[in-house]
Amino acid sequence: MEGIMLLDSGATENFMSLEYAKWLRLPIKRLPKLHMLLNVNGTLNKQGRLEYYTDLQVQTGSQQYNM
């Protein structure tokens, strides 16, 4: 059986712009190696590459997560 489906990887909630991270005054770190960003269909994402990251502690209700 074949069918068409929509896949949501959830990655949208794991990325933010560098400008917004700076505005929030997050501790920004540079990745040792650039990572190319691809869309679900295999095309290059318009942002091109991932250069920076930050570690976050997120709380939802009483649950805490380190991301």
PDB file of N, CA and C in Angstrom:
ATOM      1  N   MET A   1       0.837  -1.174   0.000  1.00  0.00           N
ATOM      2  CA  MET A   1       0.000   0.000   0.000  1.00  0.00           C
ATOM      3  C   MET A   1       0.885   1.241   0.000  1.00  0.00           C
ATOM      4  N   GLU A   2       0.549   2.233  -0.806  1.00  0.00           N
ATOM      5  CA  GLU A   2       1.279   3.485  -0.871  1.00  0.00           C
ATOM      6  C   GLU A   2       0.370   4.635  -0.497  1.00  0.00           C
ATOM      7  N   GLY A   3       0.982   5.694   0.026  1.00  0.00           N
ATOM      8  CA  GLY A   3       0.209   6.871   0.386  1.00  0.00           C
ATOM      9  C   GLY A   3       1.098   8.074   0.531  1.00  0.00           C
ATOM     10  N   ILE A   4       0.491   9.213   0.591  1.00  0.00           N
ATOM     11  CA  ILE A   4       1.208  10.466   0.780  1.00  0.00           C
ATOM     12  C   ILE A   4       1.056  10.871   2.235  1.00  0.00           C
ATOM     13  N   MET A   5       2.146  11.334   2.831  1.00  0.00           N
ATOM     14  CA  MET A   5       2.081  11.744   4.229  1.00  0.00           C
ATOM     15  C   MET A   5       2.911  12.995   4.448  1.00  0.00           C
ATOM     16  N   LEU A   6       2.617  13.688   5.522  1.00  0.00           N
ATOM     17  CA  LEU A   6       3.370  14.864   5.927  1.00  0.00           C
ATOM     18  C   LEU A   6       4.204  14.481   7.140  1.00  0.00           C
ATOM     19  N   LEU A   7       5.490  14.725   7.077  1.00  0.00           N
ATOM     20  CA  LEU A   7       6.401  14.402   8.168  1.00  0.00           C
ATOM     21  C   LEU A   7       6.804  15.681   8.874  1.00  0.00           C
ATOM     22  N   ASP A   8       6.615  15.732  10.182  1.00  0.00           N
ATOM     23  CA  ASP A   8       7.038  16.880  10.987  1.00  0.00           C
ATOM     24  C   ASP A   8       8.144  16.396  11.910  1.00  0.00           C
ATOM     25  N   SER A   9       9.379  16.785  11.618  1.00  0.00           N
ATOM     26  CA  SER A   9      10.515  16.332  12.421  1.00  0.00           C
ATOM     27  C   SER A   9      10.615  17.063  13.749  1.00  0.00           C
ATOM     28  N   GLY A  10       9.855  18.151  13.898  1.00  0.00           N
ATOM     29  CA  GLY A  10       9.897  18.914  15.141  1.00  0.00           C
ATOM     30  C   GLY A  10      11.110  19.817  15.264  1.00  0.00           C
ATOM     31  N   ALA A  11      11.939  19.882  14.236  1.00  0.00           N
ATOM     32  CA  ALA A  11      13.167  20.675  14.312  1.00  0.00           C
ATOM     33  C   ALA A  11      12.901  22.169  14.439  1.00  0.00           C
ATOM     34  N   THR A  12      11.740  22.626  14.001  1.00  0.00           N
ATOM     35  CA  THR A  12      11.440  24.056  14.057  1.00  0.00           C
ATOM     36  C   THR A  12      11.588  24.605  15.467  1.00  0.00           C
ATOM     37  N   GLU A  13      11.237  23.811  16.445  1.00  0.00           N
ATOM     38  CA  GLU A  13      11.290  24.262  17.824  1.00  0.00           C
ATOM     39  C   GLU A  13      12.689  24.169  18.425  1.00  0.00           C
ATOM     40  N   ASN A  14      13.653  23.656  17.685  1.00  0.00           N
ATOM     41  CA  ASN A  14      15.000  23.480  18.213  1.00  0.00           C
ATOM     42  C   ASN A  14      16.004  24.471  17.637  1.00  0.00           C
ATOM     43  N   PHE A  15      15.554  25.392  16.824  1.00  0.00           N
ATOM     44  CA  PHE A  15      16.441  26.358  16.196  1.00  0.00           C
ATOM     45  C   PHE A  15      15.949  27.769  16.474  1.00  0.00           C
ATOM     46  N   MET A  16      16.870  28.706  16.552  1.00  0.00           N
ATOM     47  CA  MET A  16      16.515  30.124  16.644  1.00  0.00           C
ATOM     48  C   MET A  16      17.588  30.905  15.901  1.00  0.00           C
ATOM     49  N   SER A  17      17.265  32.118  15.544  1.00  0.00           N
ATOM     50  CA  SER A  17      18.235  32.933  14.813  1.00  0.00           C
ATOM     51  C   SER A  17      19.353  33.365  15.756  1.00  0.00           C
ATOM     52  N   LEU A  18      20.516  33.594  15.180  1.00  0.00           N
ATOM     53  CA  LEU A  18      21.666  34.059  15.957  1.00  0.00           C
ATOM     54  C   LEU A  18      21.361  35.424  16.563  1.00  0.00           C
ATOM     55  N   GLU A  19      20.673  36.268  15.825  1.00  0.00           N
ATOM     56  CA  GLU A  19      20.326  37.593  16.335  1.00  0.00           C
ATOM     57  C   GLU A  19      19.438  37.499  17.582  1.00  0.00           C
ATOM     58  N   TYR A  20      18.466  36.585  17.549  1.00  0.00           N
ATOM     59  CA  TYR A  20      17.571  36.419  18.695  1.00  0.00           C
ATOM     60  C   TYR A  20      18.332  35.861  19.902  1.00  0.00           C
ATOM     61  N   ALA A  21      19.233  34.919  19.674  1.00  0.00           N
ATOM     62  CA  ALA A  21      20.042  34.364  20.763  1.00  0.00           C
ATOM     63  C   ALA A  21      20.913  35.442  21.400  1.00  0.00           C
ATOM     64  N   LYS A  22      21.466  36.319  20.563  1.00  0.00           N
ATOM     65  CA  LYS A  22      22.266  37.430  21.098  1.00  0.00           C
ATOM     66  C   LYS A  22      21.391  38.394  21.892  1.00  0.00           C
ATOM     67  N   TRP A  23      20.185  38.678  21.385  1.00  0.00           N
ATOM     68  CA  TRP A  23      19.257  39.574  22.071  1.00  0.00           C
ATOM     69  C   TRP A  23      18.882  39.018  23.446  1.00  0.00           C
ATOM     70  N   LEU A  24      18.733  37.683  23.529  1.00  0.00           N
ATOM     71  CA  LEU A  24      18.432  37.027  24.799  1.00  0.00           C
ATOM     72  C   LEU A  24      19.661  36.919  25.696  1.00  0.00           C
ATOM     73  N   ARG A  25      20.815  37.281  25.158  1.00  0.00           N
ATOM     74  CA  ARG A  25      22.101  37.194  25.872  1.00  0.00           C
ATOM     75  C   ARG A  25      22.422  35.770  26.313  1.00  0.00           C
ATOM     76  N   LEU A  26      22.157  34.830  25.403  1.00  0.00           N
ATOM     77  CA  LEU A  26      22.480  33.430  25.670  1.00  0.00           C
ATOM     78  C   LEU A  26      23.973  33.206  25.452  1.00  0.00           C
ATOM     79  N   PRO A  27      24.558  32.248  26.169  1.00  0.00           N
ATOM     80  CA  PRO A  27      25.983  31.939  25.946  1.00  0.00           C
ATOM     81  C   PRO A  27      26.147  31.153  24.633  1.00  0.00           C
ATOM     82  N   ILE A  28      26.563  31.840  23.597  1.00  0.00           N
ATOM     83  CA  ILE A  28      26.655  31.252  22.256  1.00  0.00           C
ATOM     84  C   ILE A  28      28.029  30.611  22.082  1.00  0.00           C
ATOM     85  N   LYS A  29      28.020  29.361  21.575  1.00  0.00           N
ATOM     86  CA  LYS A  29      29.267  28.623  21.334  1.00  0.00           C
ATOM     87  C   LYS A  29      29.356  28.274  19.855  1.00  0.00           C
ATOM     88  N   ARG A  30      30.571  28.255  19.330  1.00  0.00           N
ATOM     89  CA  ARG A  30      30.781  27.888  17.919  1.00  0.00           C
ATOM     90  C   ARG A  30      31.014  26.380  17.830  1.00  0.00           C
ATOM     91  N   LEU A  31      30.349  25.749  16.879  1.00  0.00           N
ATOM     92  CA  LEU A  31      30.565  24.325  16.629  1.00  0.00           C
ATOM     93  C   LEU A  31      31.957  24.111  16.042  1.00  0.00           C
ATOM     94  N   PRO A  32      32.620  23.014  16.383  1.00  0.00           N
ATOM     95  CA  PRO A  32      33.949  22.761  15.813  1.00  0.00           C
ATOM     96  C   PRO A  32      33.903  22.515  14.305  1.00  0.00           C
ATOM     97  N   LYS A  33      32.741  22.051  13.806  1.00  0.00           N
ATOM     98  CA  LYS A  33      32.580  21.757  12.381  1.00  0.00           C
ATOM     99  C   LYS A  33      31.203  22.257  11.955  1.00  0.00           C
ATOM    100  N   LEU A  34      31.126  22.942  10.816  1.00  0.00           N
ATOM    101  CA  LEU A  34      29.848  23.418  10.303  1.00  0.00           C
ATOM    102  C   LEU A  34      28.964  22.234   9.913  1.00  0.00           C
ATOM    103  N   HIS A  35      27.667  22.385  10.103  1.00  0.00           N
ATOM    104  CA  HIS A  35      26.701  21.354   9.710  1.00  0.00           C
ATOM    105  C   HIS A  35      25.773  21.945   8.663  1.00  0.00           C
ATOM    106  N   MET A  36      25.688  21.294   7.506  1.00  0.00           N
ATOM    107  CA  MET A  36      24.776  21.745   6.464  1.00  0.00           C
ATOM    108  C   MET A  36      23.350  21.417   6.888  1.00  0.00           C
ATOM    109  N   LEU A  37      22.437  22.349   6.651  1.00  0.00           N
ATOM    110  CA  LEU A  37      21.037  22.157   7.019  1.00  0.00           C
ATOM    111  C   LEU A  37      20.245  21.764   5.780  1.00  0.00           C
ATOM    112  N   LEU A  38      19.604  20.611   5.864  1.00  0.00           N
ATOM    113  CA  LEU A  38      18.803  20.119   4.749  1.00  0.00           C
ATOM    114  C   LEU A  38      17.334  20.070   5.146  1.00  0.00           C
ATOM    115  N   ASN A  39      16.486  20.340   4.180  1.00  0.00           N
ATOM    116  CA  ASN A  39      15.054  20.212   4.381  1.00  0.00           C
ATOM    117  C   ASN A  39      14.663  18.747   4.256  1.00  0.00           C
ATOM    118  N   VAL A  40      13.450  18.422   4.637  1.00  0.00           N
ATOM    119  CA  VAL A  40      12.959  17.046   4.584  1.00  0.00           C
ATOM    120  C   VAL A  40      13.066  16.474   3.177  1.00  0.00           C
ATOM    121  N   ASN A  41      12.910  17.307   2.152  1.00  0.00           N
ATOM    122  CA  ASN A  41      12.979  16.801   0.775  1.00  0.00           C
ATOM    123  C   ASN A  41      14.411  16.725   0.237  1.00  0.00           C
ATOM    124  N   GLY A  42      15.398  16.981   1.108  1.00  0.00           N
ATOM    125  CA  GLY A  42      16.802  16.859   0.709  1.00  0.00           C
ATOM    126  C   GLY A  42      17.418  18.120   0.144  1.00  0.00           C
ATOM    127  N   THR A  43      16.649  19.176  -0.027  1.00  0.00           N
ATOM    128  CA  THR A  43      17.197  20.420  -0.548  1.00  0.00           C
ATOM    129  C   THR A  43      17.898  21.196   0.563  1.00  0.00           C
ATOM    130  N   LEU A  44      18.819  22.047   0.177  1.00  0.00           N
ATOM    131  CA  LEU A  44      19.558  22.856   1.138  1.00  0.00           C
ATOM    132  C   LEU A  44      18.622  23.887   1.763  1.00  0.00           C
ATOM    133  N   ASN A  45      18.626  23.984   3.068  1.00  0.00           N
ATOM    134  CA  ASN A  45      17.807  24.964   3.777  1.00  0.00           C
ATOM    135  C   ASN A  45      18.289  26.363   3.452  1.00  0.00           C
ATOM    136  N   LYS A  46      17.379  27.333   3.398  1.00  0.00           N
ATOM    137  CA  LYS A  46      17.754  28.701   3.021  1.00  0.00           C
ATOM    138  C   LYS A  46      18.736  29.321   4.006  1.00  0.00           C
ATOM    139  N   GLN A  47      18.797  28.826   5.250  1.00  0.00           N
ATOM    140  CA  GLN A  47      19.784  29.328   6.208  1.00  0.00           C
ATOM    141  C   GLN A  47      21.168  28.755   5.926  1.00  0.00           C
ATOM    142  N   GLY A  48      21.235  27.653   5.177  1.00  0.00           N
ATOM    143  CA  GLY A  48      22.507  27.128   4.696  1.00  0.00           C
ATOM    144  C   GLY A  48      23.269  26.215   5.625  1.00  0.00           C
ATOM    145  N   ARG A  49      23.652  26.708   6.793  1.00  0.00           N
ATOM    146  CA  ARG A  49      24.489  25.875   7.661  1.00  0.00           C
ATOM    147  C   ARG A  49      24.283  26.269   9.125  1.00  0.00           C
ATOM    148  N   LEU A  50      24.662  25.359   9.979  1.00  0.00           N
ATOM    149  CA  LEU A  50      24.581  25.577  11.419  1.00  0.00           C
ATOM    150  C   LEU A  50      26.001  25.804  11.924  1.00  0.00           C
ATOM    151  N   GLU A  51      26.236  26.971  12.544  1.00  0.00           N
ATOM    152  CA  GLU A  51      27.578  27.335  13.004  1.00  0.00           C
ATOM    153  C   GLU A  51      27.684  27.436  14.522  1.00  0.00           C
ATOM    154  N   TYR A  52      26.582  27.749  15.195  1.00  0.00           N
ATOM    155  CA  TYR A  52      26.616  28.047  16.622  1.00  0.00           C
ATOM    156  C   TYR A  52      25.586  27.217  17.372  1.00  0.00           C
ATOM    157  N   TYR A  53      25.781  27.104  18.683  1.00  0.00           N
ATOM    158  CA  TYR A  53      24.806  26.425  19.528  1.00  0.00           C
ATOM    159  C   TYR A  53      24.866  27.028  20.928  1.00  0.00           C
ATOM    160  N   THR A  54      23.879  26.695  21.729  1.00  0.00           N
ATOM    161  CA  THR A  54      23.869  27.065  23.138  1.00  0.00           C
ATOM    162  C   THR A  54      23.203  25.932  23.911  1.00  0.00           C
ATOM    163  N   ASP A  55      23.569  25.784  25.153  1.00  0.00           N
ATOM    164  CA  ASP A  55      22.928  24.791  26.015  1.00  0.00           C
ATOM    165  C   ASP A  55      21.808  25.476  26.783  1.00  0.00           C
ATOM    166  N   LEU A  56      20.642  24.865  26.808  1.00  0.00           N
ATOM    167  CA  LEU A  56      19.496  25.444  27.483  1.00  0.00           C
ATOM    168  C   LEU A  56      18.909  24.464  28.481  1.00  0.00           C
ATOM    169  N   GLN A  57      18.353  24.994  29.549  1.00  0.00           N
ATOM    170  CA  GLN A  57      17.564  24.188  30.470  1.00  0.00           C
ATOM    171  C   GLN A  57      16.121  24.658  30.308  1.00  0.00           C
ATOM    172  N   VAL A  58      15.250  23.744  29.913  1.00  0.00           N
ATOM    173  CA  VAL A  58      13.860  24.063  29.620  1.00  0.00           C
ATOM    174  C   VAL A  58      12.983  23.423  30.675  1.00  0.00           C
ATOM    175  N   GLN A  59      11.979  24.161  31.139  1.00  0.00           N
ATOM    176  CA  GLN A  59      11.059  23.634  32.142  1.00  0.00           C
ATOM    177  C   GLN A  59       9.639  23.710  31.610  1.00  0.00           C
ATOM    178  N   THR A  60       8.919  22.588  31.709  1.00  0.00           N
ATOM    179  CA  THR A  60       7.510  22.515  31.364  1.00  0.00           C
ATOM    180  C   THR A  60       6.791  21.976  32.586  1.00  0.00           C
ATOM    181  N   GLY A  61       6.031  22.824  33.252  1.00  0.00           N
ATOM    182  CA  GLY A  61       5.414  22.415  34.507  1.00  0.00           C
ATOM    183  C   GLY A  61       6.511  22.116  35.509  1.00  0.00           C
ATOM    184  N   SER A  62       6.492  20.936  36.074  1.00  0.00           N
ATOM    185  CA  SER A  62       7.519  20.563  37.043  1.00  0.00           C
ATOM    186  C   SER A  62       8.673  19.773  36.406  1.00  0.00           C
ATOM    187  N   GLN A  63       8.602  19.502  35.106  1.00  0.00           N
ATOM    188  CA  GLN A  63       9.651  18.745  34.410  1.00  0.00           C
ATOM    189  C   GLN A  63      10.724  19.682  33.873  1.00  0.00           C
ATOM    190  N   GLN A  64      11.990  19.329  34.079  1.00  0.00           N
ATOM    191  CA  GLN A  64      13.111  20.105  33.535  1.00  0.00           C
ATOM    192  C   GLN A  64      13.896  19.248  32.570  1.00  0.00           C
ATOM    193  N   TYR A  65      14.343  19.879  31.488  1.00  0.00           N
ATOM    194  CA  TYR A  65      15.110  19.189  30.451  1.00  0.00           C
ATOM    195  C   TYR A  65      16.328  20.021  30.112  1.00  0.00           C
ATOM    196  N   ASN A  66      17.470  19.368  29.928  1.00  0.00           N
ATOM    197  CA  ASN A  66      18.680  20.041  29.440  1.00  0.00           C
ATOM    198  C   ASN A  66      18.760  19.781  27.951  1.00  0.00           C
ATOM    199  N   MET A  67      18.866  20.840  27.197  1.00  0.00           N
ATOM    200  CA  MET A  67      18.889  20.703  25.732  1.00  0.00           C
ATOM    201  C   MET A  67      20.138  21.339  25.190  1.00  0.00           C
TER     202      MET A  67
END
